[in-house]
Protein backbone atom coordinates (compact mmCIF):
# COMPACT_ATOMS: atom_id res chain seq x y z
CA MET A 1 0.00 0.00 0.00
CA ILE A 2 1.04 3.64 -0.18
CA LYS A 3 3.92 4.26 2.25
CA GLY A 4 4.59 7.93 1.86
CA MET A 5 4.46 11.12 -0.15
CA HIS A 6 6.98 12.88 -2.37
CA GLY A 7 6.59 16.57 -3.16
CA THR A 8 8.62 18.66 -5.57
CA PHE A 9 9.09 22.40 -5.84
CA PHE A 10 10.15 23.67 -9.28
CA THR A 11 12.02 26.95 -9.38
CA PRO A 12 14.54 28.73 -11.62
CA GLU A 13 16.58 29.20 -8.42
CA ALA A 14 16.90 25.52 -7.46
CA GLU A 15 20.34 25.78 -5.83
CA ALA A 16 19.26 28.68 -3.61
CA ALA A 17 16.07 26.86 -2.68
CA ARG A 18 18.04 23.73 -1.73
CA ARG A 19 20.36 25.80 0.47
CA PHE A 20 17.35 27.46 2.10
CA ILE A 21 15.81 24.08 2.95
CA GLN A 22 19.13 22.82 4.33
CA GLU A 23 20.22 25.92 6.21
CA LYS A 24 16.99 27.63 7.21
CA LEU A 25 14.70 24.68 7.80
CA GLY A 26 17.39 22.20 8.81
CA PHE A 27 16.06 19.21 6.89
CA SER A 28 18.50 16.34 6.31
CA HIS A 29 18.90 15.02 2.77
CA VAL A 30 20.49 12.49 0.46
CA ASP A 31 22.03 13.23 -2.92
CA ALA A 32 20.19 11.18 -5.56
CA GLY A 33 23.05 12.00 -7.96
CA ASP A 34 24.37 15.11 -9.70
CA GLY A 35 23.32 17.33 -6.80
CA TRP A 36 19.63 16.34 -6.92
CA LEU A 37 18.84 16.43 -3.22
CA ILE A 38 15.97 14.50 -1.63
CA PHE A 39 14.95 16.03 1.70
CA ASP A 40 13.66 14.11 4.70
CA VAL A 41 10.47 15.45 6.27
CA PRO A 42 8.15 13.75 8.76
CA LYS A 43 6.22 10.99 7.00
CA ALA A 44 7.10 12.45 3.60
CA GLU A 45 9.99 13.65 1.40
CA PHE A 46 10.48 16.45 -1.12
CA GLY A 47 13.09 17.63 -3.61
CA ILE A 48 14.00 20.88 -5.33
CA HIS A 49 14.24 20.65 -9.13
CA PRO A 50 15.21 23.32 -11.64
CA GLY A 51 12.40 24.68 -13.76
CA ASP A 52 11.42 27.58 -15.98
CA ASP A 53 8.49 28.43 -13.72
CA THR A 54 7.53 27.96 -10.09
CA HIS A 55 5.05 25.30 -9.01
CA HIS A 56 4.84 22.30 -6.76
CA GLU A 57 3.78 18.71 -7.25
CA ILE A 58 2.71 15.99 -4.86
CA SER A 59 3.04 12.29 -5.56
CA PHE A 60 2.74 9.08 -3.58
CA TRP A 61 5.30 6.28 -3.44
CA CYS A 62 5.10 2.60 -2.55
CA ASP A 63 7.36 -0.47 -2.26
CA ASP A 64 5.60 -2.62 -4.87
CA ILE A 65 3.79 -0.67 -7.57
CA GLU A 66 2.11 -3.65 -9.22
CA ALA A 67 0.60 -4.86 -5.93
CA THR A 68 -0.39 -1.31 -4.94
CA VAL A 69 -2.03 -0.59 -8.31
CA SER A 70 -3.92 -3.88 -8.10
CA ASP A 71 -5.08 -3.15 -4.55
CA LEU A 72 -6.20 0.36 -5.46
CA GLN A 73 -7.97 -0.84 -8.61
CA ASP A 74 -9.85 -3.35 -6.44
CA LYS A 75 -11.06 -0.32 -4.48
CA GLY A 76 -12.28 1.44 -7.64
CA VAL A 77 -9.30 3.70 -8.34
CA VAL A 78 -8.93 4.35 -12.08
CA PHE A 79 -5.39 4.74 -13.42
CA LYS A 80 -4.66 7.24 -16.21
CA SER A 81 -1.62 5.42 -17.59
CA PRO A 82 0.12 2.06 -17.50
CA VAL A 83 3.14 1.60 -15.21
CA GLU A 84 6.22 2.91 -17.02
CA ASP A 85 9.92 2.94 -16.19
CA GLN A 86 10.96 6.60 -15.98
CA GLY A 87 14.48 6.01 -14.68
CA PHE A 88 13.93 7.34 -11.17
CA GLY A 89 11.26 4.69 -10.67
CA LEU A 90 8.27 2.80 -11.99
CA VAL A 91 5.48 5.33 -12.50
CA THR A 92 1.75 5.55 -13.14
CA ALA A 93 -0.96 8.08 -12.34
CA PHE A 94 -4.52 8.07 -11.07
CA GLU A 95 -7.13 10.78 -10.91
CA LEU A 96 -8.83 12.19 -7.85
CA PRO A 97 -12.43 13.43 -8.06
CA GLY A 98 -12.39 16.80 -9.79
CA GLY A 99 -9.71 15.82 -12.29
CA VAL A 100 -6.57 16.15 -10.16
CA GLU A 101 -3.94 13.76 -11.52
CA VAL A 102 -1.71 12.15 -8.87
CA LEU A 103 1.54 10.34 -9.55
CA LEU A 104 2.19 6.96 -7.91
CA TYR A 105 5.64 5.47 -8.15
CA GLU A 106 8.02 2.80 -6.89
CA PRO A 107 11.24 4.77 -6.37
CA ARG A 108 14.73 3.77 -7.45
CA HIS A 109 16.44 6.88 -6.08
CA PRO A 110 18.03 6.82 -2.63
CA GLN A 111 15.64 7.80 0.11
CA PRO A 112 16.43 9.76 3.27
């Protein structure tokens, strides 16, 4: 079943945002490679990624995506896409009422 949450903030000032999270908020982190930091927060995690605009994104992660998808489908959850390997993990998406698309993935990156 779903074990946690991963949020991402996109900003053109990713390095400064990472430093702010480290220095101002004091969150510990791991480097997923090439300076892509994954921050540890209570019962969740989030990263800072470079982007041309500013926005945030929330996704859920699990240990076994096939079992989790099957379990959620048994509960009536409709998935928007098949499970795909996107490098950082195995990924799919489902939709909440109102049309909000939510990512579900089985991570391959190091976790805090």
